[in-house]
PDB file of N, CA and C in Angstrom:
ATOM      1  N   UNK A   1       0.649  -0.991   0.154  1.00  0.00           N
ATOM      2  CA  UNK A   1      -0.051   0.167   0.143  1.00  0.00           C
ATOM      3  C   UNK A   1       1.028   1.282  -0.093  1.00  0.00           C
ATOM      4  N   UNK A   2       0.356   2.416  -0.381  1.00  0.00           N
ATOM      5  CA  UNK A   2       1.147   3.703  -0.283  1.00  0.00           C
ATOM      6  C   UNK A   2       0.824   4.489   0.940  1.00  0.00           C
ATOM      7  N   UNK A   3       1.854   5.130   1.390  1.00  0.00           N
ATOM      8  CA  UNK A   3       1.681   6.246   2.268  1.00  0.00           C
ATOM      9  C   UNK A   3      -0.070   6.930   2.422  1.00  0.00           C
ATOM     10  N   UNK A   4      -0.043   7.560   1.160  1.00  0.00           N
ATOM     11  CA  UNK A   4      -1.167   8.515   1.186  1.00  0.00           C
ATOM     12  C   UNK A   4      -2.889   7.507   1.200  1.00  0.00           C
ATOM     13  N   UNK A   5      -2.640   6.430   1.305  1.00  0.00           N
ATOM     14  CA  UNK A   5      -3.821   5.490   1.241  1.00  0.00           C
ATOM     15  C   UNK A   5      -3.734   5.127   3.224  1.00  0.00           C
ATOM     16  N   UNK A   6      -2.853   5.581   3.566  1.00  0.00           N
ATOM     17  CA  UNK A   6      -3.016   5.048   5.622  1.00  0.00           C
ATOM     18  C   UNK A   6      -3.900   6.088   5.924  1.00  0.00           C
ATOM     19  N   UNK A   7      -4.392   5.483   6.964  1.00  0.00           N
ATOM     20  CA  UNK A   7      -4.900   6.064   7.909  1.00  0.00           C
ATOM     21  C   UNK A   7      -4.330   6.812   8.629  1.00  0.00           C
ATOM     22  N   UNK A   8      -4.917   7.984   9.590  1.00  0.00           N
ATOM     23  CA  UNK A   8      -4.775   9.275  10.778  1.00  0.00           C
ATOM     24  C   UNK A   8      -4.619   8.060  11.501  1.00  0.00           C
ATOM     25  N   UNK A   9      -3.080   8.291  12.758  1.00  0.00           N
ATOM     26  CA  UNK A   9      -3.338   7.396  14.069  1.00  0.00           C
ATOM     27  C   UNK A   9      -2.312   6.410  13.906  1.00  0.00           C
ATOM     28  N   UNK A  10      -2.803   5.769  12.680  1.00  0.00           N
ATOM     29  CA  UNK A  10      -2.125   4.303  12.273  1.00  0.00           C
ATOM     30  C   UNK A  10      -0.219   3.884  12.150  1.00  0.00           C
ATOM     31  N   UNK A  11       0.266   3.375  12.630  1.00  0.00           N
ATOM     32  CA  UNK A  11       1.877   3.816  12.404  1.00  0.00           C
ATOM     33  C   UNK A  11       2.178   2.565  11.486  1.00  0.00           C
ATOM     34  N   UNK A  12       2.959   2.904  10.213  1.00  0.00           N
ATOM     35  CA  UNK A  12       3.485   2.520   9.750  1.00  0.00           C
ATOM     36  C   UNK A  12       4.860   2.757   9.577  1.00  0.00           C
ATOM     37  N   UNK A  13       5.639   1.208   8.395  1.00  0.00           N
ATOM     38  CA  UNK A  13       6.943   0.885   8.435  1.00  0.00           C
ATOM     39  C   UNK A  13       7.116   1.062   7.010  1.00  0.00           C
ATOM     40  N   UNK A  14       8.487   1.825   6.642  1.00  0.00           N
ATOM     41  CA  UNK A  14       8.316   2.061   5.020  1.00  0.00           C
ATOM     42  C   UNK A  14       8.842   0.893   4.776  1.00  0.00           C
ATOM     43  N   UNK A  15       8.604   0.730   3.445  1.00  0.00           N
ATOM     44  CA  UNK A  15       9.269  -0.031   2.761  1.00  0.00           C
ATOM     45  C   UNK A  15       9.752  -0.118   1.382  1.00  0.00           C
ATOM     46  N   UNK A  16       9.551   0.541   0.264  1.00  0.00           N
ATOM     47  CA  UNK A  16      10.404   1.404  -0.523  1.00  0.00           C
ATOM     48  C   UNK A  16      10.124   2.484  -1.058  1.00  0.00           C
ATOM     49  N   UNK A  17      11.118   4.346  -1.267  1.00  0.00           N
ATOM     50  CA  UNK A  17      10.566   5.098  -1.844  1.00  0.00           C
ATOM     51  C   UNK A  17      10.632   4.573  -3.000  1.00  0.00           C
ATOM     52  N   UNK A  18       9.620   5.273  -4.080  1.00  0.00           N
ATOM     53  CA  UNK A  18      10.409   5.628  -5.102  1.00  0.00           C
ATOM     54  C   UNK A  18       9.939   6.719  -6.606  1.00  0.00           C
ATOM     55  N   UNK A  19      10.805   7.721  -5.641  1.00  0.00           N
ATOM     56  CA  UNK A  19      10.836   9.050  -6.433  1.00  0.00           C
ATOM     57  C   UNK A  19      12.057   9.336  -6.916  1.00  0.00           C
ATOM     58  N   UNK A  20      12.051  10.762  -7.389  1.00  0.00           N
ATOM     59  CA  UNK A  20      13.178  10.924  -8.118  1.00  0.00           C
ATOM     60  C   UNK A  20      14.228  11.216  -7.395  1.00  0.00           C
ATOM     61  N   UNK A  21      15.367  11.262  -7.742  1.00  0.00           N
ATOM     62  CA  UNK A  21      17.038  11.347  -6.750  1.00  0.00           C
ATOM     63  C   UNK A  21      17.417  12.263  -6.242  1.00  0.00           C
ATOM     64  N   UNK A  22      16.834  13.748  -6.354  1.00  0.00           N
ATOM     65  CA  UNK A  22      17.217  14.594  -5.049  1.00  0.00           C
ATOM     66  C   UNK A  22      15.859  14.730  -4.345  1.00  0.00           C
ATOM     67  N   UNK A  23      14.792  14.592  -4.597  1.00  0.00           N
ATOM     68  CA  UNK A  23      13.914  14.311  -3.404  1.00  0.00           C
ATOM     69  C   UNK A  23      14.016  12.824  -3.091  1.00  0.00           C
ATOM     70  N   UNK A  24      14.413  11.536  -3.121  1.00  0.00           N
ATOM     71  CA  UNK A  24      14.815  10.264  -2.347  1.00  0.00           C
ATOM     72  C   UNK A  24      15.717  11.073  -1.373  1.00  0.00           C
ATOM     73  N   UNK A  25      16.882  11.575  -1.967  1.00  0.00           N
ATOM     74  CA  UNK A  25      18.160  11.343  -0.967  1.00  0.00           C
ATOM     75  C   UNK A  25      17.486  13.077   0.032  1.00  0.00           C
ATOM     76  N   UNK A  26      16.767  14.363   0.001  1.00  0.00           N
ATOM     77  CA  UNK A  26      16.285  14.919   0.660  1.00  0.00           C
ATOM     78  C   UNK A  26      15.317  13.971   2.064  1.00  0.00           C
ATOM     79  N   UNK A  27      14.544  13.394   1.324  1.00  0.00           N
ATOM     80  CA  UNK A  27      13.331  12.405   2.433  1.00  0.00           C
ATOM     81  C   UNK A  27      14.376  11.495   3.185  1.00  0.00           C
ATOM     82  N   UNK A  28      15.354  11.024   2.799  1.00  0.00           N
ATOM     83  CA  UNK A  28      16.194  10.372   3.570  1.00  0.00           C
ATOM     84  C   UNK A  28      16.945  11.391   4.013  1.00  0.00           C
ATOM     85  N   UNK A  29      17.865  12.501   4.180  1.00  0.00           N
ATOM     86  CA  UNK A  29      18.282  13.197   4.817  1.00  0.00           C
ATOM     87  C   UNK A  29      17.038  13.646   6.398  1.00  0.00           C
ATOM     88  N   UNK A  30      15.937  13.460   5.844  1.00  0.00           N
ATOM     89  CA  UNK A  30      15.247  13.814   6.634  1.00  0.00           C
ATOM     90  C   UNK A  30      14.290  12.780   8.119  1.00  0.00           C
ATOM     91  N   UNK A  31      15.103  11.769   7.538  1.00  0.00           N
ATOM     92  CA  UNK A  31      14.555  10.066   8.407  1.00  0.00           C
ATOM     93  C   UNK A  31      14.043   9.239   7.553  1.00  0.00           C
ATOM     94  N   UNK A  32      12.771   9.708   6.354  1.00  0.00           N
ATOM     95  CA  UNK A  32      12.313   8.676   5.725  1.00  0.00           C
ATOM     96  C   UNK A  32      13.097   7.618   4.839  1.00  0.00           C
ATOM     97  N   UNK A  33      13.565   6.734   5.444  1.00  0.00           N
ATOM     98  CA  UNK A  33      14.325   5.735   4.673  1.00  0.00           C
ATOM     99  C   UNK A  33      13.909   4.210   5.038  1.00  0.00           C
ATOM    100  N   UNK A  34      14.019   3.469   4.269  1.00  0.00           N
ATOM    101  CA  UNK A  34      13.615   1.980   4.413  1.00  0.00           C
ATOM    102  C   UNK A  34      13.700   1.797   5.827  1.00  0.00           C
ATOM    103  N   UNK A  35      12.654   0.388   6.728  1.00  0.00           N
ATOM    104  CA  UNK A  35      12.516  -0.202   7.605  1.00  0.00           C
ATOM    105  C   UNK A  35      12.220   0.871   9.059  1.00  0.00           C
ATOM    106  N   UNK A  36      11.647   2.479   8.625  1.00  0.00           N
ATOM    107  CA  UNK A  36      11.403   3.524   9.252  1.00  0.00           C
ATOM    108  C   UNK A  36      10.221   3.189   9.659  1.00  0.00           C
ATOM    109  N   UNK A  37       9.545   3.861  10.837  1.00  0.00           N
ATOM    110  CA  UNK A  37       7.587   4.306  11.435  1.00  0.00           C
ATOM    111  C   UNK A  37       7.386   5.100  10.986  1.00  0.00           C
ATOM    112  N   UNK A  38       6.297   5.560  10.133  1.00  0.00           N
ATOM    113  CA  UNK A  38       5.405   6.782   9.995  1.00  0.00           C
ATOM    114  C   UNK A  38       4.382   6.404  10.896  1.00  0.00           C
ATOM    115  N   UNK A  39       4.273   7.841  11.659  1.00  0.00           N
ATOM    116  CA  UNK A  39       3.049   7.952  12.379  1.00  0.00           C
ATOM    117  C   UNK A  39       2.093   8.998  11.713  1.00  0.00           C
ATOM    118  N   UNK A  40       1.023   8.393  10.607  1.00  0.00           N
ATOM    119  CA  UNK A  40      -0.017   9.891  10.007  1.00  0.00           C
ATOM    120  C   UNK A  40      -0.863  10.144  11.126  1.00  0.00           C
ATOM    121  N   UNK A  41      -0.072  11.587  11.072  1.00  0.00           N
ATOM    122  CA  UNK A  41      -0.921  12.843  11.987  1.00  0.00           C
ATOM    123  C   UNK A  41      -2.673  13.370  11.296  1.00  0.00           C
ATOM    124  N   UNK A  42      -2.117  13.663  10.057  1.00  0.00           N
ATOM    125  CA  UNK A  42      -3.105  14.368  10.122  1.00  0.00           C
ATOM    126  C   UNK A  42      -3.405  14.306   8.078  1.00  0.00           C
ATOM    127  N   UNK A  43      -4.648  14.582   7.385  1.00  0.00           N
ATOM    128  CA  UNK A  43      -4.863  14.441   6.221  1.00  0.00           C
ATOM    129  C   UNK A  43      -5.844  15.764   5.696  1.00  0.00           C
ATOM    130  N   UNK A  44      -4.493  16.338   4.363  1.00  0.00           N
ATOM    131  CA  UNK A  44      -5.480  17.649   4.314  1.00  0.00           C
ATOM    132  C   UNK A  44      -6.488  17.177   2.988  1.00  0.00           C
ATOM    133  N   UNK A  45      -7.761  18.091   2.645  1.00  0.00           N
ATOM    134  CA  UNK A  45      -8.208  17.507   1.693  1.00  0.00           C
ATOM    135  C   UNK A  45      -7.456  17.629  -0.267  1.00  0.00           C
ATOM    136  N   UNK A  46      -6.709  18.687   0.623  1.00  0.00           N
ATOM    137  CA  UNK A  46      -5.573  18.775  -0.955  1.00  0.00           C
ATOM    138  C   UNK A  46      -4.963  17.226  -1.566  1.00  0.00           C
ATOM    139  N   UNK A  47      -5.108  15.774  -0.256  1.00  0.00           N
ATOM    140  CA  UNK A  47      -3.983  15.360  -0.718  1.00  0.00           C
ATOM    141  C   UNK A  47      -2.313  14.876   0.301  1.00  0.00           C
ATOM    142  N   UNK A  48      -2.091  16.763   0.683  1.00  0.00           N
ATOM    143  CA  UNK A  48      -0.681  16.334   1.748  1.00  0.00           C
ATOM    144  C   UNK A  48      -1.012  15.390   2.583  1.00  0.00           C
ATOM    145  N   UNK A  49      -0.461  14.863   3.501  1.00  0.00           N
ATOM    146  CA  UNK A  49      -0.157  14.267   4.492  1.00  0.00           C
ATOM    147  C   UNK A  49       0.821  14.988   5.417  1.00  0.00           C
ATOM    148  N   UNK A  50       0.508  15.314   6.848  1.00  0.00           N
ATOM    149  CA  UNK A  50       1.321  15.654   8.505  1.00  0.00           C
ATOM    150  C   UNK A  50       1.666  14.194   8.667  1.00  0.00           C
ATOM    151  N   UNK A  51       3.084  13.586   8.282  1.00  0.00           N
ATOM    152  CA  UNK A  51       3.326  12.760   9.401  1.00  0.00           C
ATOM    153  C   UNK A  51       4.393  12.790  10.150  1.00  0.00           C
ATOM    154  N   UNK A  52       4.755  12.207  10.960  1.00  0.00           N
ATOM    155  CA  UNK A  52       5.589  11.821  12.632  1.00  0.00           C
ATOM    156  C   UNK A  52       6.899  11.260  11.931  1.00  0.00           C
ATOM    157  N   UNK A  53       8.109  11.176  12.259  1.00  0.00           N
ATOM    158  CA  UNK A  53       8.870  10.854  11.732  1.00  0.00           C
ATOM    159  C   UNK A  53      10.207  10.392  12.805  1.00  0.00           C
ATOM    160  N   UNK A  54      10.555   9.553  13.538  1.00  0.00           N
ATOM    161  CA  UNK A  54      12.026   9.817  14.468  1.00  0.00           C
ATOM    162  C   UNK A  54      11.657  11.559  15.060  1.00  0.00           C
ATOM    163  N   UNK A  55      10.354  11.602  15.489  1.00  0.00           N
ATOM    164  CA  UNK A  55      10.010  12.659  16.792  1.00  0.00           C
ATOM    165  C   UNK A  55      10.146  13.792  16.024  1.00  0.00           C
ATOM    166  N   UNK A  56       9.997  13.548  14.530  1.00  0.00           N
ATOM    167  CA  UNK A  56      10.164  15.376  13.715  1.00  0.00           C
ATOM    168  C   UNK A  56       8.611  14.960  12.612  1.00  0.00           C
ATOM    169  N   UNK A  57       7.967  16.320  12.684  1.00  0.00           N
ATOM    170  CA  UNK A  57       6.507  16.477  12.011  1.00  0.00           C
ATOM    171  C   UNK A  57       7.067  17.058  10.258  1.00  0.00           C
ATOM    172  N   UNK A  58       6.645  16.386   9.788  1.00  0.00           N
ATOM    173  CA  UNK A  58       6.964  16.658   8.372  1.00  0.00           C
ATOM    174  C   UNK A  58       5.753  16.598   7.330  1.00  0.00           C
ATOM    175  N   UNK A  59       5.354  17.603   6.358  1.00  0.00           N
ATOM    176  CA  UNK A  59       4.315  17.515   5.444  1.00  0.00           C
ATOM    177  C   UNK A  59       4.641  17.132   3.956  1.00  0.00           C
ATOM    178  N   UNK A  60       3.790  16.171   3.866  1.00  0.00           N
ATOM    179  CA  UNK A  60       4.678  15.376   2.398  1.00  0.00           C
ATOM    180  C   UNK A  60       3.050  15.817   1.789  1.00  0.00           C
ATOM    181  N   UNK A  61       3.876  16.482   0.010  1.00  0.00           N
ATOM    182  CA  UNK A  61       2.169  16.071  -0.872  1.00  0.00           C
ATOM    183  C   UNK A  61       1.799  14.752  -1.273  1.00  0.00           C
ATOM    184  N   UNK A  62       0.670  14.784  -2.197  1.00  0.00           N
ATOM    185  CA  UNK A  62       0.298  13.600  -2.610  1.00  0.00           C
ATOM    186  C   UNK A  62       1.248  12.579  -3.497  1.00  0.00           C
ATOM    187  N   UNK A  63       1.761  13.764  -4.498  1.00  0.00           N
ATOM    188  CA  UNK A  63       2.709  12.971  -5.090  1.00  0.00           C
ATOM    189  C   UNK A  63       3.528  12.252  -4.682  1.00  0.00           C
ATOM    190  N   UNK A  64       4.432  12.634  -3.421  1.00  0.00           N
ATOM    191  CA  UNK A  64       5.488  12.177  -2.990  1.00  0.00           C
ATOM    192  C   UNK A  64       5.027  11.092  -2.301  1.00  0.00           C
ATOM    193  N   UNK A  65       3.683  11.033  -1.653  1.00  0.00           N
ATOM    194  CA  UNK A  65       3.066  10.296  -0.669  1.00  0.00           C
ATOM    195  C   UNK A  65       2.479   8.740  -1.403  1.00  0.00           C
ATOM    196  N   UNK A  66       2.119   9.155  -2.796  1.00  0.00           N
ATOM    197  CA  UNK A  66       1.600   7.815  -3.935  1.00  0.00           C
ATOM    198  C   UNK A  66       3.308   7.333  -4.128  1.00  0.00           C
ATOM    199  N   UNK A  67       4.337   7.735  -3.473  1.00  0.00           N
ATOM    200  CA  UNK A  67       5.262   6.873  -4.679  1.00  0.00           C
ATOM    201  C   UNK A  67       5.990   6.100  -3.368  1.00  0.00           C
ATOM    202  N   UNK A  68       5.547   6.088  -1.921  1.00  0.00           N
ATOM    203  CA  UNK A  68       6.277   5.918  -1.025  1.00  0.00           C
ATOM    204  C   UNK A  68       5.528   4.183  -0.439  1.00  0.00           C
ATOM    205  N   UNK A  69       5.917   3.292  -0.678  1.00  0.00           N
ATOM    206  CA  UNK A  69       5.418   2.184  -0.176  1.00  0.00           C
ATOM    207  C   UNK A  69       5.445   1.671   1.483  1.00  0.00           C
ATOM    208  N   UNK A  70       4.471   1.692   1.765  1.00  0.00           N
ATOM    209  CA  UNK A  70       4.162   1.117   3.946  1.00  0.00           C
ATOM    210  C   UNK A  70       3.552  -0.260   3.726  1.00  0.00           C
ATOM    211  N   UNK A  71       4.099  -0.570   5.239  1.00  0.00           N
ATOM    212  CA  UNK A  71       3.328  -1.453   5.463  1.00  0.00           C
ATOM    213  C   UNK A  71       2.630  -1.413   7.165  1.00  0.00           C
ATOM    214  N   UNK A  72       1.478  -1.935   7.284  1.00  0.00           N
ATOM    215  CA  UNK A  72       1.012  -1.801   8.709  1.00  0.00           C
ATOM    216  C   UNK A  72       2.262  -2.394   9.527  1.00  0.00           C
ATOM    217  N   UNK A  73       2.179  -1.245  10.511  1.00  0.00           N
ATOM    218  CA  UNK A  73       3.329  -1.953  12.162  1.00  0.00           C
ATOM    219  C   UNK A  73       3.207  -3.025  12.552  1.00  0.00           C
TER     220      UNK A  73
END
């Protein structure tokens, strides 16, 4: 499943990240790596997600969230 399909309040584990090189490197720098836990905190109407990863809140657009494969923890 993709991160954008997740539900608010649930914890997921990142399986794979399928975005362009610079975006992948930026996500890795922010802590969104394979086997990392992510909690979805909020979902906006435009598809943006607010996630919590390693104690930090991040906002991801729908296009990026659609390309992050996760599984339920």
